[in-house]
Amino acid sequence: MKFIHPLVMIGFFVFLYWQRALGQKIAEMKEKSPEFVKRPGLLEQHRTWGYALTGLCLAGLFGGIFITSSVLGAQQPFLQTYGHGFIGSVILGCLVMSLLLGLSIKNVVKPRIRERFLTFHMNMVYVIAAFGLLSAGTGLAILIWGLSPLN
């Protein structure tokens, strides 16, 4: 049961990559191109995948707390996992922030500010991926060394 984490993290990274590739495809579409008619459907798919990624992370956070407490026997799951729970919370926060940024881009009127919103929204994937790598590393530490002792 405890080896499910590496599989979930691989799936998370693949899903994050697909989300980024879809967002990049949408951003590169020109208004005059024949593919521009597909843009509303692609935006809806991008939004749905954003919700799915956020839901996956939320389920992972609650599942991690449950498994760490019940299977591994941690008394304080966030304090005995080498920061793993905290990193998962940061990933969830970044995903929610990126999701809210993406949902509010259409409300920004000024083109320059809208471009900055979009750039920040697109660059959040790298922050999420960096914290995802930290999460994978601390998850690996838990698998190798077990839970950290309470002092």
C-alpha atoms as a PDB file:
ATOM      1  CA  MET A   1       0.000   0.000   0.000  1.00  0.00           C
ATOM      2  CA  LYS A   2       2.783   2.438   0.802  1.00  0.00           C
ATOM      3  CA  PHE A   3       4.357   1.977  -2.647  1.00  0.00           C
ATOM      4  CA  ILE A   4       1.350   3.603  -4.305  1.00  0.00           C
ATOM      5  CA  HIS A   5       2.927   7.048  -3.834  1.00  0.00           C
ATOM      6  CA  PRO A   6       5.585   6.736  -6.570  1.00  0.00           C
ATOM      7  CA  LEU A   7       2.921   5.614  -9.052  1.00  0.00           C
ATOM      8  CA  VAL A   8       0.630   8.488  -8.112  1.00  0.00           C
ATOM      9  CA  MET A   9       3.513  10.975  -8.427  1.00  0.00           C
ATOM     10  CA  ILE A  10       4.417   9.663 -11.887  1.00  0.00           C
ATOM     11  CA  GLY A  11       0.774  10.054 -12.876  1.00  0.00           C
ATOM     12  CA  PHE A  12       0.725  13.555 -11.368  1.00  0.00           C
ATOM     13  CA  PHE A  13       3.796  14.619 -13.365  1.00  0.00           C
ATOM     14  CA  VAL A  14       2.404  13.159 -16.607  1.00  0.00           C
ATOM     15  CA  PHE A  15      -0.928  14.885 -16.018  1.00  0.00           C
ATOM     16  CA  LEU A  16       0.858  18.161 -15.188  1.00  0.00           C
ATOM     17  CA  TYR A  17       2.865  17.870 -18.416  1.00  0.00           C
ATOM     18  CA  TRP A  18      -0.296  17.246 -20.457  1.00  0.00           C
ATOM     19  CA  GLN A  19      -1.955  20.239 -18.809  1.00  0.00           C
ATOM     20  CA  ARG A  20       1.026  22.442 -19.632  1.00  0.00           C
ATOM     21  CA  ALA A  21       1.160  21.210 -23.238  1.00  0.00           C
ATOM     22  CA  LEU A  22      -2.556  21.890 -23.694  1.00  0.00           C
ATOM     23  CA  GLY A  23      -2.206  25.366 -22.192  1.00  0.00           C
ATOM     24  CA  GLN A  24       0.773  26.077 -24.442  1.00  0.00           C
ATOM     25  CA  LYS A  25      -1.224  24.956 -27.485  1.00  0.00           C
ATOM     26  CA  ILE A  26      -4.088  27.271 -26.510  1.00  0.00           C
ATOM     27  CA  ALA A  27      -1.725  30.203 -25.906  1.00  0.00           C
ATOM     28  CA  GLU A  28      -0.027  29.767 -29.294  1.00  0.00           C
ATOM     29  CA  MET A  29      -3.287  29.768 -31.285  1.00  0.00           C
ATOM     30  CA  LYS A  30      -3.699  32.744 -33.580  1.00  0.00           C
ATOM     31  CA  GLU A  31      -7.116  34.286 -34.168  1.00  0.00           C
ATOM     32  CA  LYS A  32      -6.796  33.885 -37.934  1.00  0.00           C
ATOM     33  CA  SER A  33      -5.819  30.201 -37.826  1.00  0.00           C
ATOM     34  CA  PRO A  34      -8.410  27.574 -38.808  1.00  0.00           C
ATOM     35  CA  GLU A  35      -7.864  25.789 -35.467  1.00  0.00           C
ATOM     36  CA  PHE A  36      -9.100  28.843 -33.543  1.00  0.00           C
ATOM     37  CA  VAL A  37     -12.669  27.502 -33.694  1.00  0.00           C
ATOM     38  CA  LYS A  38     -11.528  24.634 -31.412  1.00  0.00           C
ATOM     39  CA  ARG A  39     -10.242  27.091 -28.788  1.00  0.00           C
ATOM     40  CA  PRO A  40     -13.400  27.232 -26.583  1.00  0.00           C
ATOM     41  CA  GLY A  41     -13.475  23.435 -26.336  1.00  0.00           C
ATOM     42  CA  LEU A  42      -9.758  23.305 -25.541  1.00  0.00           C
ATOM     43  CA  LEU A  43     -10.193  25.995 -22.873  1.00  0.00           C
ATOM     44  CA  GLU A  44     -12.975  23.932 -21.305  1.00  0.00           C
ATOM     45  CA  GLN A  45     -10.752  20.833 -21.359  1.00  0.00           C
ATOM     46  CA  HIS A  46      -7.874  22.839 -19.828  1.00  0.00           C
ATOM     47  CA  ARG A  47     -10.207  24.089 -17.080  1.00  0.00           C
ATOM     48  CA  THR A  48     -11.519  20.572 -16.416  1.00  0.00           C
ATOM     49  CA  TRP A  49      -7.990  19.188 -16.196  1.00  0.00           C
ATOM     50  CA  GLY A  50      -7.116  21.991 -13.763  1.00  0.00           C
ATOM     51  CA  TYR A  51      -9.998  20.943 -11.528  1.00  0.00           C
ATOM     52  CA  ALA A  52      -8.915  17.304 -11.848  1.00  0.00           C
ATOM     53  CA  LEU A  53      -5.297  18.086 -10.901  1.00  0.00           C
ATOM     54  CA  THR A  54      -6.471  20.075  -7.887  1.00  0.00           C
ATOM     55  CA  GLY A  55      -8.809  17.252  -6.879  1.00  0.00           C
ATOM     56  CA  LEU A  56      -6.025  14.687  -7.301  1.00  0.00           C
ATOM     57  CA  CYS A  57      -3.748  16.720  -5.050  1.00  0.00           C
ATOM     58  CA  LEU A  58      -6.485  17.201  -2.435  1.00  0.00           C
ATOM     59  CA  ALA A  59      -7.272  13.475  -2.473  1.00  0.00           C
ATOM     60  CA  GLY A  60      -3.543  12.741  -2.209  1.00  0.00           C
ATOM     61  CA  LEU A  61      -3.206  15.031   0.788  1.00  0.00           C
ATOM     62  CA  PHE A  62      -6.113  13.452   2.662  1.00  0.00           C
ATOM     63  CA  GLY A  63      -5.110   9.952   1.537  1.00  0.00           C
ATOM     64  CA  GLY A  64      -1.549  10.594   2.664  1.00  0.00           C
ATOM     65  CA  ILE A  65      -2.720  11.704   6.096  1.00  0.00           C
ATOM     66  CA  PHE A  66      -4.905   8.602   6.391  1.00  0.00           C
ATOM     67  CA  ILE A  67      -2.227   6.156   5.196  1.00  0.00           C
ATOM     68  CA  THR A  68       0.526   7.772   7.253  1.00  0.00           C
ATOM     69  CA  SER A  69      -1.634   7.558  10.361  1.00  0.00           C
ATOM     70  CA  SER A  70      -3.222   4.143   9.868  1.00  0.00           C
ATOM     71  CA  VAL A  71      -0.651   2.108   7.898  1.00  0.00           C
ATOM     72  CA  LEU A  72       2.627   3.650   9.028  1.00  0.00           C
ATOM     73  CA  GLY A  73       1.383   4.518  12.522  1.00  0.00           C
ATOM     74  CA  ALA A  74       2.384   8.182  12.644  1.00  0.00           C
ATOM     75  CA  GLN A  75       1.075  10.078  15.641  1.00  0.00           C
ATOM     76  CA  GLN A  76       1.592  13.443  13.929  1.00  0.00           C
ATOM     77  CA  PRO A  77       1.605  12.871  10.146  1.00  0.00           C
ATOM     78  CA  PHE A  78       2.813  16.334   9.155  1.00  0.00           C
ATOM     79  CA  LEU A  79       5.706  16.361  11.622  1.00  0.00           C
ATOM     80  CA  GLN A  80       6.993  12.828  11.037  1.00  0.00           C
ATOM     81  CA  THR A  81       7.263  12.849   7.243  1.00  0.00           C
ATOM     82  CA  TYR A  82      10.342  15.021   6.596  1.00  0.00           C
ATOM     83  CA  GLY A  83       8.109  17.906   5.519  1.00  0.00           C
ATOM     84  CA  HIS A  84       6.223  15.769   3.010  1.00  0.00           C
ATOM     85  CA  GLY A  85       2.765  16.815   4.202  1.00  0.00           C
ATOM     86  CA  PHE A  86       3.722  20.476   4.226  1.00  0.00           C
ATOM     87  CA  ILE A  87       5.085  20.221   0.674  1.00  0.00           C
ATOM     88  CA  GLY A  88       1.850  18.559  -0.438  1.00  0.00           C
ATOM     89  CA  SER A  89      -0.084  21.444   1.108  1.00  0.00           C
ATOM     90  CA  VAL A  90       2.084  23.949  -0.770  1.00  0.00           C
ATOM     91  CA  ILE A  91       1.462  22.074  -4.038  1.00  0.00           C
ATOM     92  CA  LEU A  92      -2.274  22.203  -3.369  1.00  0.00           C
ATOM     93  CA  GLY A  93      -2.034  25.932  -2.649  1.00  0.00           C
ATOM     94  CA  CYS A  94      -0.101  26.538  -5.873  1.00  0.00           C
ATOM     95  CA  LEU A  95      -2.636  24.521  -7.869  1.00  0.00           C
ATOM     96  CA  VAL A  96      -5.546  26.470  -6.388  1.00  0.00           C
ATOM     97  CA  MET A  97      -3.758  29.767  -7.078  1.00  0.00           C
ATOM     98  CA  SER A  98      -2.997  28.760 -10.663  1.00  0.00           C
ATOM     99  CA  LEU A  99      -6.581  27.601 -11.150  1.00  0.00           C
ATOM    100  CA  LEU A 100      -7.979  30.883  -9.841  1.00  0.00           C
ATOM    101  CA  LEU A 101      -5.546  32.858 -11.992  1.00  0.00           C
ATOM    102  CA  GLY A 102      -6.598  30.887 -15.042  1.00  0.00           C
ATOM    103  CA  LEU A 103     -10.279  31.414 -14.297  1.00  0.00           C
ATOM    104  CA  SER A 104      -9.824  35.172 -13.834  1.00  0.00           C
ATOM    105  CA  ILE A 105      -7.637  35.888 -16.901  1.00  0.00           C
ATOM    106  CA  LYS A 106     -10.711  36.553 -19.041  1.00  0.00           C
ATOM    107  CA  ASN A 107     -11.840  39.296 -16.623  1.00  0.00           C
ATOM    108  CA  VAL A 108      -8.649  41.355 -17.011  1.00  0.00           C
ATOM    109  CA  VAL A 109      -9.285  44.149 -19.502  1.00  0.00           C
ATOM    110  CA  LYS A 110      -5.896  45.793 -20.018  1.00  0.00           C
ATOM    111  CA  PRO A 111      -3.799  43.771 -22.505  1.00  0.00           C
ATOM    112  CA  ARG A 112      -0.472  44.319 -20.734  1.00  0.00           C
ATOM    113  CA  ILE A 113      -1.792  43.189 -17.359  1.00  0.00           C
ATOM    114  CA  ARG A 114      -3.612  40.294 -19.025  1.00  0.00           C
ATOM    115  CA  GLU A 115      -0.337  39.195 -20.628  1.00  0.00           C
ATOM    116  CA  ARG A 116       1.392  39.283 -17.224  1.00  0.00           C
ATOM    117  CA  PHE A 117      -1.425  37.255 -15.671  1.00  0.00           C
ATOM    118  CA  LEU A 118      -1.105  34.687 -18.432  1.00  0.00           C
ATOM    119  CA  THR A 119       2.695  34.529 -18.117  1.00  0.00           C
ATOM    120  CA  PHE A 120       2.476  34.080 -14.345  1.00  0.00           C
ATOM    121  CA  HIS A 121      -0.235  31.434 -14.779  1.00  0.00           C
ATOM    122  CA  MET A 122       1.933  29.583 -17.317  1.00  0.00           C
ATOM    123  CA  ASN A 123       5.048  29.751 -15.129  1.00  0.00           C
ATOM    124  CA  MET A 124       3.253  28.367 -12.062  1.00  0.00           C
ATOM    125  CA  VAL A 125       3.585  24.898 -13.599  1.00  0.00           C
ATOM    126  CA  TYR A 126       7.335  25.059 -12.949  1.00  0.00           C
ATOM    127  CA  VAL A 127       6.796  25.984  -9.287  1.00  0.00           C
ATOM    128  CA  ILE A 128       4.325  23.113  -8.953  1.00  0.00           C
ATOM    129  CA  ALA A 129       6.779  20.727 -10.646  1.00  0.00           C
ATOM    130  CA  ALA A 130       9.624  21.850  -8.348  1.00  0.00           C
ATOM    131  CA  PHE A 131       7.532  21.207  -5.254  1.00  0.00           C
ATOM    132  CA  GLY A 132       6.409  17.928  -6.843  1.00  0.00           C
ATOM    133  CA  LEU A 133      10.046  16.842  -7.085  1.00  0.00           C
ATOM    134  CA  LEU A 134      10.540  17.770  -3.426  1.00  0.00           C
ATOM    135  CA  SER A 135       7.440  15.762  -2.595  1.00  0.00           C
ATOM    136  CA  ALA A 136       8.755  12.760  -4.511  1.00  0.00           C
ATOM    137  CA  GLY A 137      12.094  13.075  -2.686  1.00  0.00           C
ATOM    138  CA  THR A 138      10.559  13.262   0.771  1.00  0.00           C
ATOM    139  CA  GLY A 139       8.192  10.416  -0.130  1.00  0.00           C
ATOM    140  CA  LEU A 140      11.214   8.357  -1.118  1.00  0.00           C
ATOM    141  CA  ALA A 141      12.878   9.253   2.200  1.00  0.00           C
ATOM    142  CA  ILE A 142       9.827   7.961   4.061  1.00  0.00           C
ATOM    143  CA  LEU A 143       9.935   4.692   2.096  1.00  0.00           C
ATOM    144  CA  ILE A 144      13.672   4.237   2.732  1.00  0.00           C
ATOM    145  CA  TRP A 145      14.109   5.473   6.308  1.00  0.00           C
ATOM    146  CA  GLY A 146      10.567   5.267   7.635  1.00  0.00           C
ATOM    147  CA  LEU A 147       8.947   7.975   9.689  1.00  0.00           C
ATOM    148  CA  SER A 148      11.090  10.533  11.457  1.00  0.00           C
ATOM    149  CA  PRO A 149      11.006  10.233  15.247  1.00  0.00           C
ATOM    150  CA  LEU A 150       9.231  12.807  17.369  1.00  0.00           C
ATOM    151  CA  ASN A 151      11.612  14.745  19.582  1.00  0.00           C
END
